[in-house]
Amino acid sequence: MTSSFQPVKAEAPMCRQLAELALEHATADGIHDTCIPGLQMFRADQPSALNCGVYDPALCVIAQGSKTVQLGDKEIAYGPLTYMISAVDLPVVGAVIEASAEEPYLAIKLSIDPQEVAEMVLELGDTLPPLDQQRDCPAAACGLSVAPVNVGILEAMTRLVSLLNSPADCRILAPLVRREIIYRALVGEMGWRMRDFVATDSQAHRISKVIAVLKDRFAEPLRVRELADDVNMSESTLFHTFKQVTRMSPVQFQKKLRLHEARRLMLSEGLEAATASYRVGYESPSHFSREYRRMFGAPPRADVVKLRGEQPMLATM
């Protein structure tokens, strides 16, 4: 299944302004943290190979270039003046498809705490349309979605990035602009999706709780019945809804989390493959090695050696 964006002209003045601001703070390839909590810049000067990563809940605006992301059986393409929302933690595979030294790929990501969304939904109350009027098809339940950016989000994101050049103002104003971005996302085209994941009586919210448990306890044996009981769902409903949200089964989801963490442990902490495999829940190093190679395209040792010689954007949006 493929989802694509309707591109907006990259020459648009607001797009150029955001791209120019991003270039000031992303002076080289890679991920660039900022002094604003949760705000990161991503830059790539050339198209990339497929990279694996885990997206956390966030809103990301593309200022320049384009990218494709695979979530399970779903492929999503997005480019200039579009924005992507990840409502839950999701393991993905992505590649930059349009970038050059003259016009690098530039993305601005703002991590979002679901609790922030829930609190604002409560504050807005009846001013938001009922969720039942928004759910149009089962495919819309996916936890990762993209849409053309609206002027409100673009203006607010531009102001947030501009604050990086005004440290004296940033401490006071950045939280206000962050709040505005969440508000504008909630009342925009994909706002109902965000609300669905924080509405306590929704299946999407129940699945978000299951994902949180799997993220915290991925090394433990998977017990679907216990997960279903914890969120008051039947096993079949949990399986079906989980697959709608993540485009994969709970077992596949857990496997990806395990392999991502094992890769991190080997790369960042220098663990041997066998040690990392036991740490993330595998009982057989050979089984781990086979699944690792199937996912990342190389055996653990060879993959880590390659990564140490590169600076891959493993979890960019």
C-alpha atoms as a PDB file:
ATOM      1  CA  MET A   1       0.000   0.000   0.000  1.00  0.00           C
ATOM      2  CA  THR A   2       1.435   3.371  -0.976  1.00  0.00           C
ATOM      3  CA  SER A   3       0.586   6.866   0.207  1.00  0.00           C
ATOM      4  CA  SER A   4       1.975   9.867  -1.675  1.00  0.00           C
ATOM      5  CA  PHE A   5       1.948  13.624  -1.182  1.00  0.00           C
ATOM      6  CA  GLN A   6       0.677  16.372  -3.437  1.00  0.00           C
ATOM      7  CA  PRO A   7       3.813  18.515  -3.730  1.00  0.00           C
ATOM      8  CA  VAL A   8       3.674  22.239  -3.160  1.00  0.00           C
ATOM      9  CA  LYS A   9       6.132  24.398  -5.124  1.00  0.00           C
ATOM     10  CA  ALA A  10       9.439  24.556  -3.290  1.00  0.00           C
ATOM     11  CA  GLU A  11       9.823  28.163  -4.510  1.00  0.00           C
ATOM     12  CA  ALA A  12       7.112  29.300  -2.114  1.00  0.00           C
ATOM     13  CA  PRO A  13       8.519  32.162  -0.009  1.00  0.00           C
ATOM     14  CA  MET A  14       7.691  30.563   3.313  1.00  0.00           C
ATOM     15  CA  CYS A  15       9.344  27.304   2.261  1.00  0.00           C
ATOM     16  CA  ARG A  16      12.519  29.163   1.267  1.00  0.00           C
ATOM     17  CA  GLN A  17      12.539  31.041   4.547  1.00  0.00           C
ATOM     18  CA  LEU A  18      12.229  27.859   6.604  1.00  0.00           C
ATOM     19  CA  ALA A  19      14.897  26.132   4.501  1.00  0.00           C
ATOM     20  CA  GLU A  20      17.289  29.062   4.950  1.00  0.00           C
ATOM     21  CA  LEU A  21      16.744  29.043   8.696  1.00  0.00           C
ATOM     22  CA  ALA A  22      17.311  25.294   8.843  1.00  0.00           C
ATOM     23  CA  LEU A  23      20.566  25.645   6.897  1.00  0.00           C
ATOM     24  CA  GLU A  24      21.903  28.026   9.541  1.00  0.00           C
ATOM     25  CA  HIS A  25      21.649  25.299  12.164  1.00  0.00           C
ATOM     26  CA  ALA A  26      22.213  22.200  10.032  1.00  0.00           C
ATOM     27  CA  THR A  27      25.567  23.037   8.493  1.00  0.00           C
ATOM     28  CA  ALA A  28      26.496  19.444   7.592  1.00  0.00           C
ATOM     29  CA  ASP A  29      24.930  16.058   6.916  1.00  0.00           C
ATOM     30  CA  GLY A  30      23.222  14.390   9.857  1.00  0.00           C
ATOM     31  CA  ILE A  31      21.056  15.025  12.894  1.00  0.00           C
ATOM     32  CA  HIS A  32      21.378  18.362  14.666  1.00  0.00           C
ATOM     33  CA  ASP A  33      20.021  18.911  18.159  1.00  0.00           C
ATOM     34  CA  THR A  34      19.032  22.427  19.196  1.00  0.00           C
ATOM     35  CA  CYS A  35      18.688  24.366  22.430  1.00  0.00           C
ATOM     36  CA  ILE A  36      14.899  23.981  22.178  1.00  0.00           C
ATOM     37  CA  PRO A  37      13.860  20.692  23.845  1.00  0.00           C
ATOM     38  CA  GLY A  38      12.498  18.220  21.308  1.00  0.00           C
ATOM     39  CA  LEU A  39      13.467  20.293  18.249  1.00  0.00           C
ATOM     40  CA  GLN A  40      15.911  18.712  15.790  1.00  0.00           C
ATOM     41  CA  MET A  41      17.133  19.471  12.259  1.00  0.00           C
ATOM     42  CA  PHE A  42      17.966  16.857   9.649  1.00  0.00           C
ATOM     43  CA  ARG A  43      20.126  17.429   6.606  1.00  0.00           C
ATOM     44  CA  ALA A  44      21.259  15.183   3.759  1.00  0.00           C
ATOM     45  CA  ASP A  45      23.323  16.429   0.813  1.00  0.00           C
ATOM     46  CA  GLN A  46      22.602  13.411  -1.366  1.00  0.00           C
ATOM     47  CA  PRO A  47      20.042  10.612  -1.693  1.00  0.00           C
ATOM     48  CA  SER A  48      20.536   7.836   0.835  1.00  0.00           C
ATOM     49  CA  ALA A  49      20.216   4.097   0.978  1.00  0.00           C
ATOM     50  CA  LEU A  50      17.437   2.594   3.075  1.00  0.00           C
ATOM     51  CA  ASN A  51      18.041   3.174   6.788  1.00  0.00           C
ATOM     52  CA  CYS A  52      16.209   1.603   9.718  1.00  0.00           C
ATOM     53  CA  GLY A  53      15.031   3.536  12.744  1.00  0.00           C
ATOM     54  CA  VAL A  54      12.279   4.000  15.303  1.00  0.00           C
ATOM     55  CA  TYR A  55      10.111   7.100  15.040  1.00  0.00           C
ATOM     56  CA  ASP A  56       8.906   8.543  18.331  1.00  0.00           C
ATOM     57  CA  PRO A  57       5.693  10.623  18.576  1.00  0.00           C
ATOM     58  CA  ALA A  58       6.503  13.784  16.652  1.00  0.00           C
ATOM     59  CA  LEU A  59       5.525  16.295  14.004  1.00  0.00           C
ATOM     60  CA  CYS A  60       7.982  16.850  11.175  1.00  0.00           C
ATOM     61  CA  VAL A  61       7.909  19.528   8.475  1.00  0.00           C
ATOM     62  CA  ILE A  62       9.893  19.063   5.266  1.00  0.00           C
ATOM     63  CA  ALA A  63      11.445  22.327   4.121  1.00  0.00           C
ATOM     64  CA  GLN A  64      13.400  20.984   1.127  1.00  0.00           C
ATOM     65  CA  GLY A  65      13.976  17.687  -0.672  1.00  0.00           C
ATOM     66  CA  SER A  66      11.888  14.539  -0.293  1.00  0.00           C
ATOM     67  CA  LYS A  67      11.915  11.168   1.401  1.00  0.00           C
ATOM     68  CA  THR A  68      10.125   7.837   1.392  1.00  0.00           C
ATOM     69  CA  VAL A  69       9.289   5.805   4.508  1.00  0.00           C
ATOM     70  CA  GLN A  70       8.186   2.181   4.748  1.00  0.00           C
ATOM     71  CA  LEU A  71       6.070   1.148   7.705  1.00  0.00           C
ATOM     72  CA  GLY A  72       5.288  -2.537   7.424  1.00  0.00           C
ATOM     73  CA  ASP A  73       3.422  -2.941   4.132  1.00  0.00           C
ATOM     74  CA  LYS A  74       2.771   0.788   3.763  1.00  0.00           C
ATOM     75  CA  GLU A  75       5.014   3.190   1.859  1.00  0.00           C
ATOM     76  CA  ILE A  76       4.697   6.928   2.437  1.00  0.00           C
ATOM     77  CA  ALA A  77       6.373   9.602   0.314  1.00  0.00           C
ATOM     78  CA  TYR A  78       6.646  13.183   1.492  1.00  0.00           C
ATOM     79  CA  GLY A  79       8.397  16.323   0.343  1.00  0.00           C
ATOM     80  CA  PRO A  80       8.482  20.138   0.451  1.00  0.00           C
ATOM     81  CA  LEU A  81       5.698  21.803   2.397  1.00  0.00           C
ATOM     82  CA  THR A  82       4.255  18.581   3.697  1.00  0.00           C
ATOM     83  CA  TYR A  83       4.271  17.441   7.272  1.00  0.00           C
ATOM     84  CA  MET A  84       4.280  14.030   8.871  1.00  0.00           C
ATOM     85  CA  ILE A  85       2.810  12.993  12.198  1.00  0.00           C
ATOM     86  CA  SER A  86       3.948   9.917  14.077  1.00  0.00           C
ATOM     87  CA  ALA A  87       1.350   9.262  16.771  1.00  0.00           C
ATOM     88  CA  VAL A  88       3.184   6.375  18.492  1.00  0.00           C
ATOM     89  CA  ASP A  89       6.631   4.767  18.524  1.00  0.00           C
ATOM     90  CA  LEU A  90       7.040   2.960  15.198  1.00  0.00           C
ATOM     91  CA  PRO A  91       9.961   1.002  13.665  1.00  0.00           C
ATOM     92  CA  VAL A  92      10.404   2.134  10.059  1.00  0.00           C
ATOM     93  CA  VAL A  93      12.708   1.990   7.050  1.00  0.00           C
ATOM     94  CA  GLY A  94      13.369   5.262   5.229  1.00  0.00           C
ATOM     95  CA  ALA A  95      15.457   6.793   2.457  1.00  0.00           C
ATOM     96  CA  VAL A  96      16.101  10.328   1.260  1.00  0.00           C
ATOM     97  CA  ILE A  97      15.186  10.347  -2.435  1.00  0.00           C
ATOM     98  CA  GLU A  98      15.730  13.993  -3.393  1.00  0.00           C
ATOM     99  CA  ALA A  99      18.780  15.885  -2.147  1.00  0.00           C
ATOM    100  CA  SER A 100      21.932  17.560  -3.457  1.00  0.00           C
ATOM    101  CA  ALA A 101      24.789  19.703  -2.172  1.00  0.00           C
ATOM    102  CA  GLU A 102      23.087  22.742  -3.731  1.00  0.00           C
ATOM    103  CA  GLU A 103      19.630  21.878  -2.384  1.00  0.00           C
ATOM    104  CA  PRO A 104      19.994  19.447   0.529  1.00  0.00           C
ATOM    105  CA  TYR A 105      17.160  17.544   2.130  1.00  0.00           C
ATOM    106  CA  LEU A 106      16.053  19.565   5.158  1.00  0.00           C
ATOM    107  CA  ALA A 107      13.536  18.474   7.776  1.00  0.00           C
ATOM    108  CA  ILE A 108      12.510  19.989  11.093  1.00  0.00           C
ATOM    109  CA  LYS A 109      11.221  17.594  13.738  1.00  0.00           C
ATOM    110  CA  LEU A 110       9.362  18.500  16.920  1.00  0.00           C
ATOM    111  CA  SER A 111       8.912  15.627  19.365  1.00  0.00           C
ATOM    112  CA  ILE A 112       5.487  15.612  20.983  1.00  0.00           C
ATOM    113  CA  ASP A 113       4.455  14.137  24.310  1.00  0.00           C
ATOM    114  CA  PRO A 114       1.034  12.475  23.866  1.00  0.00           C
ATOM    115  CA  GLN A 115       0.120  13.880  27.281  1.00  0.00           C
ATOM    116  CA  GLU A 116       0.472  17.385  25.821  1.00  0.00           C
ATOM    117  CA  VAL A 117      -1.996  16.436  23.109  1.00  0.00           C
ATOM    118  CA  ALA A 118      -4.432  14.915  25.610  1.00  0.00           C
ATOM    119  CA  GLU A 119      -4.351  18.012  27.814  1.00  0.00           C
ATOM    120  CA  MET A 120      -5.018  20.328  24.885  1.00  0.00           C
ATOM    121  CA  VAL A 121      -7.858  18.142  23.626  1.00  0.00           C
ATOM    122  CA  LEU A 122      -9.477  18.453  27.047  1.00  0.00           C
ATOM    123  CA  GLU A 123      -8.956  22.204  27.010  1.00  0.00           C
ATOM    124  CA  LEU A 124     -10.498  22.594  23.555  1.00  0.00           C
ATOM    125  CA  GLY A 125     -13.456  20.437  24.513  1.00  0.00           C
ATOM    126  CA  ASP A 126     -16.551  20.782  22.328  1.00  0.00           C
ATOM    127  CA  THR A 127     -14.848  23.143  19.887  1.00  0.00           C
ATOM    128  CA  LEU A 128     -13.410  20.078  18.134  1.00  0.00           C
ATOM    129  CA  PRO A 129     -15.654  17.984  15.851  1.00  0.00           C
ATOM    130  CA  PRO A 130     -16.692  14.546  17.145  1.00  0.00           C
ATOM    131  CA  LEU A 131     -14.176  11.828  16.304  1.00  0.00           C
ATOM    132  CA  ASP A 132     -16.871   9.578  14.844  1.00  0.00           C
ATOM    133  CA  GLN A 133     -17.364  12.118  12.059  1.00  0.00           C
ATOM    134  CA  GLN A 134     -13.704  11.929  11.113  1.00  0.00           C
ATOM    135  CA  ARG A 135     -12.947   8.180  10.855  1.00  0.00           C
ATOM    136  CA  ASP A 136     -13.422   7.497   7.162  1.00  0.00           C
ATOM    137  CA  CYS A 137     -11.751   4.112   6.577  1.00  0.00           C
ATOM    138  CA  PRO A 138      -9.754   1.424   8.427  1.00  0.00           C
ATOM    139  CA  ALA A 139      -6.540   2.427   6.609  1.00  0.00           C
ATOM    140  CA  ALA A 140      -6.769   5.830   8.298  1.00  0.00           C
ATOM    141  CA  ALA A 141      -5.937   4.171  11.623  1.00  0.00           C
ATOM    142  CA  CYS A 142      -2.232   4.012  10.680  1.00  0.00           C
ATOM    143  CA  GLY A 143       0.002   5.600  13.303  1.00  0.00           C
ATOM    144  CA  LEU A 144       2.078   7.413  10.657  1.00  0.00           C
ATOM    145  CA  SER A 145       0.484   9.868   8.239  1.00  0.00           C
ATOM    146  CA  VAL A 146       1.351  12.791   5.972  1.00  0.00           C
ATOM    147  CA  ALA A 147      -0.542  15.793   4.605  1.00  0.00           C
ATOM    148  CA  PRO A 148       0.117  19.148   2.915  1.00  0.00           C
ATOM    149  CA  VAL A 149       1.247  21.596   5.576  1.00  0.00           C
ATOM    150  CA  ASN A 150      -1.144  24.434   6.372  1.00  0.00           C
ATOM    151  CA  VAL A 151      -0.063  28.035   6.698  1.00  0.00           C
ATOM    152  CA  GLY A 152      -0.602  28.075  10.454  1.00  0.00           C
ATOM    153  CA  ILE A 153       1.774  25.171  11.124  1.00  0.00           C
ATOM    154  CA  LEU A 154       4.342  26.509   8.658  1.00  0.00           C
ATOM    155  CA  GLU A 155       4.324  29.994  10.163  1.00  0.00           C
ATOM    156  CA  ALA A 156       4.576  28.651  13.711  1.00  0.00           C
ATOM    157  CA  MET A 157       7.404  26.247  12.862  1.00  0.00           C
ATOM    158  CA  THR A 158       9.274  29.078  11.124  1.00  0.00           C
ATOM    159  CA  ARG A 159       8.927  31.247  14.224  1.00  0.00           C
ATOM    160  CA  LEU A 160      10.097  28.406  16.446  1.00  0.00           C
ATOM    161  CA  VAL A 161      13.247  27.874  14.379  1.00  0.00           C
ATOM    162  CA  SER A 162      13.805  31.660  14.263  1.00  0.00           C
ATOM    163  CA  LEU A 163      13.951  31.696  18.063  1.00  0.00           C
ATOM    164  CA  LEU A 164      17.215  29.738  17.891  1.00  0.00           C
ATOM    165  CA  ASN A 165      18.824  33.033  16.840  1.00  0.00           C
ATOM    166  CA  SER A 166      17.352  34.865  19.855  1.00  0.00           C
ATOM    167  CA  PRO A 167      18.502  33.049  23.017  1.00  0.00           C
ATOM    168  CA  ALA A 168      17.092  35.745  25.283  1.00  0.00           C
ATOM    169  CA  ASP A 169      13.600  35.269  23.841  1.00  0.00           C
ATOM    170  CA  CYS A 170      13.814  31.516  23.290  1.00  0.00           C
ATOM    171  CA  ARG A 171      13.372  30.411  26.908  1.00  0.00           C
ATOM    172  CA  ILE A 172      10.064  32.246  27.267  1.00  0.00           C
ATOM    173  CA  LEU A 173       8.620  32.108  23.773  1.00  0.00           C
ATOM    174  CA  ALA A 174       9.619  28.629  22.560  1.00  0.00           C
ATOM    175  CA  PRO A 175       7.153  26.801  24.867  1.00  0.00           C
ATOM    176  CA  LEU A 176       4.369  29.100  23.649  1.00  0.00           C
ATOM    177  CA  VAL A 177       5.142  28.480  19.984  1.00  0.00           C
ATOM    178  CA  ARG A 178       5.444  24.748  20.648  1.00  0.00           C
ATOM    179  CA  ARG A 179       1.974  24.842  22.165  1.00  0.00           C
ATOM    180  CA  GLU A 180       0.698  26.731  19.122  1.00  0.00           C
ATOM    181  CA  ILE A 181       2.099  24.071  16.755  1.00  0.00           C
ATOM    182  CA  ILE A 182       0.293  21.332  18.671  1.00  0.00           C
ATOM    183  CA  TYR A 183      -2.910  23.373  18.587  1.00  0.00           C
ATOM    184  CA  ARG A 184      -2.695  24.012  14.857  1.00  0.00           C
ATOM    185  CA  ALA A 185      -1.996  20.353  14.216  1.00  0.00           C
ATOM    186  CA  LEU A 186      -5.034  19.375  16.293  1.00  0.00           C
ATOM    187  CA  VAL A 187      -7.387  21.655  14.364  1.00  0.00           C
ATOM    188  CA  GLY A 188      -5.780  20.783  11.012  1.00  0.00           C
ATOM    189  CA  GLU A 189      -6.315  17.979   8.529  1.00  0.00           C
ATOM    190  CA  MET A 190      -4.677  15.264  10.641  1.00  0.00           C
ATOM    191  CA  GLY A 191      -5.773  16.536  14.032  1.00  0.00           C
ATOM    192  CA  TRP A 192      -8.429  13.877  14.472  1.00  0.00           C
ATOM    193  CA  ARG A 193      -5.754  11.195  14.074  1.00  0.00           C
ATOM    194  CA  MET A 194      -3.764  12.711  16.932  1.00  0.00           C
ATOM    195  CA  ARG A 195      -6.896  12.908  19.060  1.00  0.00           C
ATOM    196  CA  ASP A 196      -7.846   9.318  18.336  1.00  0.00           C
ATOM    197  CA  PHE A 197      -4.615   8.101  19.936  1.00  0.00           C
ATOM    198  CA  VAL A 198      -5.223  10.010  23.173  1.00  0.00           C
ATOM    199  CA  ALA A 199      -8.991   9.428  23.483  1.00  0.00           C
ATOM    200  CA  THR A 200      -9.241   7.005  26.394  1.00  0.00           C
ATOM    201  CA  ASP A 201     -12.237   5.151  24.948  1.00  0.00           C
ATOM    202  CA  SER A 202     -10.708   4.582  21.486  1.00  0.00           C
ATOM    203  CA  GLN A 203      -9.092   1.416  20.176  1.00  0.00           C
ATOM    204  CA  ALA A 204      -6.181   3.492  18.861  1.00  0.00           C
ATOM    205  CA  HIS A 205      -5.469   4.684  22.411  1.00  0.00           C
ATOM    206  CA  ARG A 206      -5.561   1.100  23.685  1.00  0.00           C
ATOM    207  CA  ILE A 207      -3.045   0.120  21.013  1.00  0.00           C
ATOM    208  CA  SER A 208      -0.818   3.043  22.020  1.00  0.00           C
ATOM    209  CA  LYS A 209      -0.772   1.571  25.547  1.00  0.00           C
ATOM    210  CA  VAL A 210       0.164  -1.847  24.134  1.00  0.00           C
ATOM    211  CA  ILE A 211       2.985  -0.246  22.137  1.00  0.00           C
ATOM    212  CA  ALA A 212       4.255   1.478  25.284  1.00  0.00           C
ATOM    213  CA  VAL A 213       4.370  -1.883  27.083  1.00  0.00           C
ATOM    214  CA  LEU A 214       6.171  -3.562  24.176  1.00  0.00           C
ATOM    215  CA  LYS A 215       8.686  -0.718  24.043  1.00  0.00           C
ATOM    216  CA  ASP A 216       9.468  -1.058  27.748  1.00  0.00           C
ATOM    217  CA  ARG A 217       9.415  -4.878  27.883  1.00  0.00           C
ATOM    218  CA  PHE A 218      10.442  -5.981  24.389  1.00  0.00           C
ATOM    219  CA  ALA A 219      13.045  -8.395  25.799  1.00  0.00           C
ATOM    220  CA  GLU A 220      10.367 -10.385  27.597  1.00  0.00           C
ATOM    221  CA  PRO A 221       8.337 -13.187  25.972  1.00  0.00           C
ATOM    222  CA  LEU A 222       5.328 -11.836  24.083  1.00  0.00           C
ATOM    223  CA  ARG A 223       2.025 -12.701  25.764  1.00  0.00           C
ATOM    224  CA  VAL A 224      -0.765 -11.373  23.568  1.00  0.00           C
ATOM    225  CA  ARG A 225      -3.502 -12.583  25.900  1.00  0.00           C
ATOM    226  CA  GLU A 226      -2.073 -10.587  28.805  1.00  0.00           C
ATOM    227  CA  LEU A 227      -1.703  -7.499  26.612  1.00  0.00           C
ATOM    228  CA  ALA A 228      -5.293  -7.858  25.432  1.00  0.00           C
ATOM    229  CA  ASP A 229      -6.580  -8.253  28.980  1.00  0.00           C
ATOM    230  CA  ASP A 230      -4.631  -5.192  30.130  1.00  0.00           C
ATOM    231  CA  VAL A 231      -6.381  -2.955  27.575  1.00  0.00           C
ATOM    232  CA  ASN A 232      -9.757  -4.678  27.710  1.00  0.00           C
ATOM    233  CA  MET A 233      -9.682  -6.053  24.177  1.00  0.00           C
ATOM    234  CA  SER A 234     -10.076  -9.520  22.736  1.00  0.00           C
ATOM    235  CA  GLU A 235      -6.953 -11.098  21.272  1.00  0.00           C
ATOM    236  CA  SER A 236      -8.392 -10.984  17.753  1.00  0.00           C
ATOM    237  CA  THR A 237      -9.398  -7.320  18.074  1.00  0.00           C
ATOM    238  CA  LEU A 238      -6.004  -6.403  19.487  1.00  0.00           C
ATOM    239  CA  PHE A 239      -4.228  -8.198  16.638  1.00  0.00           C
ATOM    240  CA  HIS A 240      -6.427  -6.600  13.963  1.00  0.00           C
ATOM    241  CA  THR A 241      -6.237  -3.066  15.386  1.00  0.00           C
ATOM    242  CA  PHE A 242      -2.518  -3.334  16.146  1.00  0.00           C
ATOM    243  CA  LYS A 243      -1.890  -4.215  12.516  1.00  0.00           C
ATOM    244  CA  GLN A 244      -3.985  -1.261  11.333  1.00  0.00           C
ATOM    245  CA  VAL A 245      -1.932   1.143  13.447  1.00  0.00           C
ATOM    246  CA  THR A 246       1.561  -0.280  12.899  1.00  0.00           C
ATOM    247  CA  ARG A 247       1.136  -2.174   9.601  1.00  0.00           C
ATOM    248  CA  MET A 248       2.679  -5.218  11.265  1.00  0.00           C
ATOM    249  CA  SER A 249       1.788  -7.882  13.819  1.00  0.00           C
ATOM    250  CA  PRO A 250       2.780  -7.616  17.508  1.00  0.00           C
ATOM    251  CA  VAL A 251       5.434 -10.313  16.952  1.00  0.00           C
ATOM    252  CA  GLN A 252       6.930  -8.437  13.986  1.00  0.00           C
ATOM    253  CA  PHE A 253       6.835  -5.185  15.968  1.00  0.00           C
ATOM    254  CA  GLN A 254       8.623  -6.756  18.941  1.00  0.00           C
ATOM    255  CA  LYS A 255      11.241  -8.305  16.661  1.00  0.00           C
ATOM    256  CA  LYS A 256      12.061  -4.949  15.087  1.00  0.00           C
ATOM    257  CA  LEU A 257      12.375  -3.278  18.483  1.00  0.00           C
ATOM    258  CA  ARG A 258      14.710  -6.050  19.660  1.00  0.00           C
ATOM    259  CA  LEU A 259      16.935  -5.810  16.600  1.00  0.00           C
ATOM    260  CA  HIS A 260      17.093  -2.009  16.737  1.00  0.00           C
ATOM    261  CA  GLU A 261      18.135  -2.122  20.393  1.00  0.00           C
ATOM    262  CA  ALA A 262      20.722  -4.846  19.747  1.00  0.00           C
ATOM    263  CA  ARG A 263      22.192  -2.715  16.975  1.00  0.00           C
ATOM    264  CA  ARG A 264      22.359   0.272  19.306  1.00  0.00           C
ATOM    265  CA  LEU A 265      24.037  -1.791  22.029  1.00  0.00           C
ATOM    266  CA  MET A 266      26.715  -3.043  19.647  1.00  0.00           C
ATOM    267  CA  LEU A 267      27.273   0.336  18.047  1.00  0.00           C
ATOM    268  CA  SER A 268      27.125   2.590  21.110  1.00  0.00           C
ATOM    269  CA  GLU A 269      28.220   0.324  23.956  1.00  0.00           C
ATOM    270  CA  GLY A 270      30.565  -2.006  22.097  1.00  0.00           C
ATOM    271  CA  LEU A 271      28.802  -5.242  23.045  1.00  0.00           C
ATOM    272  CA  GLU A 272      29.530  -8.429  21.145  1.00  0.00           C
ATOM    273  CA  ALA A 273      26.684  -9.794  19.025  1.00  0.00           C
ATOM    274  CA  ALA A 274      25.995 -12.755  21.321  1.00  0.00           C
ATOM    275  CA  THR A 275      25.841 -10.539  24.408  1.00  0.00           C
ATOM    276  CA  ALA A 276      23.564  -8.048  22.678  1.00  0.00           C
ATOM    277  CA  SER A 277      21.287 -10.841  21.467  1.00  0.00           C
ATOM    278  CA  TYR A 278      20.784 -12.180  25.002  1.00  0.00           C
ATOM    279  CA  ARG A 279      20.263  -8.661  26.333  1.00  0.00           C
ATOM    280  CA  VAL A 280      17.317  -8.044  23.973  1.00  0.00           C
ATOM    281  CA  GLY A 281      15.644 -11.382  24.574  1.00  0.00           C
ATOM    282  CA  TYR A 282      17.054 -13.865  22.066  1.00  0.00           C
ATOM    283  CA  GLU A 283      17.927 -17.317  23.361  1.00  0.00           C
ATOM    284  CA  SER A 284      19.946 -18.343  20.287  1.00  0.00           C
ATOM    285  CA  PRO A 285      22.754 -16.140  18.900  1.00  0.00           C
ATOM    286  CA  SER A 286      22.510 -17.935  15.558  1.00  0.00           C
ATOM    287  CA  HIS A 287      18.788 -17.190  15.337  1.00  0.00           C
ATOM    288  CA  PHE A 288      19.542 -13.580  16.230  1.00  0.00           C
ATOM    289  CA  SER A 289      22.211 -13.373  13.538  1.00  0.00           C
ATOM    290  CA  ARG A 290      19.848 -14.705  10.873  1.00  0.00           C
ATOM    291  CA  GLU A 291      17.102 -12.254  11.754  1.00  0.00           C
ATOM    292  CA  TYR A 292      19.580  -9.392  12.068  1.00  0.00           C
ATOM    293  CA  ARG A 293      20.952 -10.071   8.589  1.00  0.00           C
ATOM    294  CA  ARG A 294      17.451 -10.357   7.178  1.00  0.00           C
ATOM    295  CA  MET A 295      16.530  -6.941   8.570  1.00  0.00           C
ATOM    296  CA  PHE A 296      19.732  -4.939   8.120  1.00  0.00           C
ATOM    297  CA  GLY A 297      21.233  -6.703   5.104  1.00  0.00           C
ATOM    298  CA  ALA A 298      24.473  -7.847   6.757  1.00  0.00           C
ATOM    299  CA  PRO A 299      25.626  -9.960   9.734  1.00  0.00           C
ATOM    300  CA  PRO A 300      25.892  -8.070  13.033  1.00  0.00           C
ATOM    301  CA  ARG A 301      29.681  -7.622  13.081  1.00  0.00           C
ATOM    302  CA  ALA A 302      29.920  -6.504   9.440  1.00  0.00           C
ATOM    303  CA  ASP A 303      26.980  -4.141   9.839  1.00  0.00           C
ATOM    304  CA  VAL A 304      28.431  -2.461  12.921  1.00  0.00           C
ATOM    305  CA  VAL A 305      31.863  -2.057  11.306  1.00  0.00           C
ATOM    306  CA  LYS A 306      30.188  -0.387   8.331  1.00  0.00           C
ATOM    307  CA  LEU A 307      28.087   1.903  10.514  1.00  0.00           C
ATOM    308  CA  ARG A 308      31.118   3.047  12.483  1.00  0.00           C
ATOM    309  CA  GLY A 309      32.639   4.276   9.244  1.00  0.00           C
ATOM    310  CA  GLU A 310      29.512   6.235   8.345  1.00  0.00           C
ATOM    311  CA  GLN A 311      27.133   8.702   9.914  1.00  0.00           C
ATOM    312  CA  PRO A 312      23.755   7.227   8.971  1.00  0.00           C
ATOM    313  CA  MET A 313      20.535   9.069   9.782  1.00  0.00           C
ATOM    314  CA  LEU A 314      19.087   6.041  11.539  1.00  0.00           C
ATOM    315  CA  ALA A 315      15.916   7.531  12.939  1.00  0.00           C
ATOM    316  CA  THR A 316      15.236  10.721  11.030  1.00  0.00           C
ATOM    317  CA  MET A 317      11.873  11.894   9.836  1.00  0.00           C
END
